[in-house]
Amino acid sequence: GVAMNPVDHPHGGGEGKTSGGRHPVNPAGKPEGRTRRRKASDKLIVRRRRTGKKR
């Protein structure tokens, strides 16, 4: 798809072979392709990591 022109495929076009820029789609523009099979578990996450300045 990336090697095609924009008229031929949603991933087509662009100067050189630039990476996607959108979710994997089939030529019709429907989202498709390999996604994560299972949700990552929260078993090991005990507490949210504190972020931000001086808390």
N, C-alpha and C. Protein backbone atom coordinates (compact mmCIF):
# COMPACT_ATOMS: atom_id res chain seq x y z
N GLY A 1 0.79 -1.21 0.00
CA GLY A 1 0.00 0.00 0.00
C GLY A 1 0.83 1.26 0.00
N VAL A 2 1.95 1.26 0.74
CA VAL A 2 2.76 2.47 0.87
C VAL A 2 3.37 2.85 -0.48
N ALA A 3 3.63 1.84 -1.33
CA ALA A 3 4.28 2.12 -2.60
C ALA A 3 3.29 2.65 -3.64
N MET A 4 2.01 2.63 -3.33
CA MET A 4 1.00 3.06 -4.30
C MET A 4 0.82 4.57 -4.27
N ASN A 5 0.01 5.04 -5.20
CA ASN A 5 -0.35 6.45 -5.22
C ASN A 5 -1.56 6.67 -4.32
N PRO A 6 -1.79 7.94 -3.92
CA PRO A 6 -2.91 8.19 -3.03
C PRO A 6 -4.26 7.77 -3.62
N VAL A 7 -4.37 7.76 -4.94
CA VAL A 7 -5.64 7.35 -5.54
C VAL A 7 -5.86 5.86 -5.39
N ASP A 8 -4.76 5.11 -5.23
CA ASP A 8 -4.86 3.65 -5.22
C ASP A 8 -5.05 3.07 -3.83
N HIS A 9 -4.57 3.75 -2.80
CA HIS A 9 -4.57 3.16 -1.47
C HIS A 9 -4.43 4.26 -0.42
N PRO A 10 -5.11 4.09 0.73
CA PRO A 10 -5.02 5.11 1.79
C PRO A 10 -3.61 5.37 2.28
N HIS A 11 -2.72 4.35 2.20
CA HIS A 11 -1.34 4.55 2.68
C HIS A 11 -0.44 5.12 1.59
N GLY A 12 -0.96 5.31 0.39
CA GLY A 12 -0.11 5.69 -0.73
C GLY A 12 0.28 7.15 -0.70
N GLY A 13 1.20 7.51 -1.58
CA GLY A 13 1.60 8.90 -1.74
C GLY A 13 2.70 9.31 -0.78
N GLY A 14 3.10 10.56 -0.85
CA GLY A 14 4.17 11.06 0.00
C GLY A 14 5.50 11.02 -0.70
N GLU A 15 6.40 11.89 -0.29
CA GLU A 15 7.74 11.93 -0.87
C GLU A 15 8.56 10.79 -0.28
N GLY A 16 9.07 9.91 -1.12
CA GLY A 16 9.81 8.77 -0.61
C GLY A 16 8.89 7.85 0.15
N LYS A 17 9.47 6.82 0.76
CA LYS A 17 8.62 5.88 1.50
C LYS A 17 8.49 6.34 2.94
N THR A 18 7.59 7.26 3.19
CA THR A 18 7.35 7.69 4.56
C THR A 18 6.43 6.67 5.21
N SER A 19 6.58 6.50 6.52
CA SER A 19 5.80 5.49 7.21
C SER A 19 4.35 5.93 7.30
N GLY A 20 3.48 4.96 7.54
CA GLY A 20 2.03 5.10 7.51
C GLY A 20 1.43 6.45 7.81
N GLY A 21 1.40 6.84 9.07
CA GLY A 21 0.73 8.07 9.42
C GLY A 21 -0.72 7.87 9.77
N ARG A 22 -1.21 6.64 9.62
CA ARG A 22 -2.56 6.32 10.07
C ARG A 22 -2.64 4.83 10.35
N HIS A 23 -3.76 4.39 10.90
CA HIS A 23 -3.88 2.99 11.28
C HIS A 23 -3.86 2.12 10.03
N PRO A 24 -3.41 0.85 10.18
CA PRO A 24 -3.41 -0.05 9.03
C PRO A 24 -4.81 -0.18 8.45
N VAL A 25 -4.93 -0.01 7.15
CA VAL A 25 -6.23 -0.09 6.51
C VAL A 25 -6.12 -0.96 5.27
N ASN A 26 -7.25 -1.49 4.82
CA ASN A 26 -7.25 -2.19 3.55
C ASN A 26 -7.48 -1.16 2.45
N PRO A 27 -7.33 -1.56 1.19
CA PRO A 27 -7.46 -0.56 0.12
C PRO A 27 -8.77 0.21 0.15
N ALA A 28 -9.82 -0.35 0.74
CA ALA A 28 -11.10 0.35 0.79
C ALA A 28 -11.09 1.44 1.85
N GLY A 29 -10.07 1.45 2.71
CA GLY A 29 -10.00 2.46 3.76
C GLY A 29 -10.56 1.98 5.08
N LYS A 30 -10.99 0.70 5.12
CA LYS A 30 -11.49 0.18 6.39
C LYS A 30 -10.31 -0.21 7.27
N PRO A 31 -10.40 0.02 8.58
CA PRO A 31 -9.31 -0.39 9.47
C PRO A 31 -9.16 -1.90 9.42
N GLU A 32 -7.93 -2.36 9.34
CA GLU A 32 -7.70 -3.78 9.21
C GLU A 32 -6.27 -4.07 9.59
N GLY A 33 -5.93 -5.36 9.70
CA GLY A 33 -4.56 -5.74 9.97
C GLY A 33 -4.39 -6.16 11.41
N ARG A 34 -3.20 -6.61 11.74
CA ARG A 34 -2.90 -7.20 13.03
C ARG A 34 -2.98 -6.17 14.13
N THR A 35 -3.74 -6.46 15.16
CA THR A 35 -3.77 -5.62 16.33
C THR A 35 -3.45 -6.49 17.53
N ARG A 36 -3.36 -5.90 18.71
CA ARG A 36 -3.03 -6.69 19.90
C ARG A 36 -4.11 -7.73 20.15
N ARG A 37 -3.67 -8.96 20.37
CA ARG A 37 -4.62 -10.05 20.53
C ARG A 37 -5.30 -9.99 21.89
N ARG A 38 -4.53 -9.72 22.95
CA ARG A 38 -5.10 -9.71 24.29
C ARG A 38 -4.69 -8.44 25.01
N LYS A 39 -5.57 -7.97 25.90
CA LYS A 39 -5.29 -6.77 26.68
C LYS A 39 -4.18 -7.07 27.66
N ALA A 40 -3.19 -6.16 27.77
CA ALA A 40 -2.12 -6.34 28.74
C ALA A 40 -2.70 -6.30 30.15
N SER A 41 -2.20 -7.19 31.03
CA SER A 41 -2.79 -7.28 32.36
C SER A 41 -2.25 -6.18 33.27
N ASP A 42 -3.04 -5.82 34.26
CA ASP A 42 -2.63 -4.80 35.23
C ASP A 42 -2.09 -5.45 36.49
N LYS A 43 -1.81 -6.73 36.43
CA LYS A 43 -1.43 -7.49 37.62
C LYS A 43 -0.21 -6.89 38.32
N LEU A 44 0.76 -6.43 37.53
CA LEU A 44 2.01 -5.94 38.12
C LEU A 44 1.96 -4.47 38.48
N ILE A 45 0.90 -3.78 38.10
CA ILE A 45 0.82 -2.35 38.39
C ILE A 45 0.17 -2.17 39.74
N VAL A 46 0.93 -1.62 40.68
CA VAL A 46 0.43 -1.48 42.04
C VAL A 46 -0.08 -0.07 42.27
N ARG A 47 0.68 0.92 41.80
CA ARG A 47 0.32 2.30 42.07
C ARG A 47 0.78 3.14 40.88
N ARG A 48 0.01 4.19 40.58
CA ARG A 48 0.38 5.07 39.48
C ARG A 48 1.68 5.78 39.79
N ARG A 49 2.56 5.86 38.79
CA ARG A 49 3.82 6.56 38.98
C ARG A 49 3.56 8.06 39.08
N ARG A 50 4.12 8.69 40.10
CA ARG A 50 3.86 10.12 40.29
C ARG A 50 4.65 10.92 39.26
N THR A 51 3.97 11.84 38.59
CA THR A 51 4.63 12.67 37.60
C THR A 51 4.40 14.13 37.92
N GLY A 52 5.08 15.01 37.22
CA GLY A 52 4.91 16.43 37.47
C GLY A 52 6.01 16.95 38.37
N LYS A 53 6.06 18.25 38.55
CA LYS A 53 7.13 18.86 39.33
C LYS A 53 6.86 18.74 40.81
N LYS A 54 7.90 18.36 41.57
CA LYS A 54 7.91 18.37 43.04
C LYS A 54 6.57 18.08 43.66
N ARG A 55 6.29 16.82 43.84
CA ARG A 55 5.00 16.52 44.44
C ARG A 55 5.20 15.92 45.83
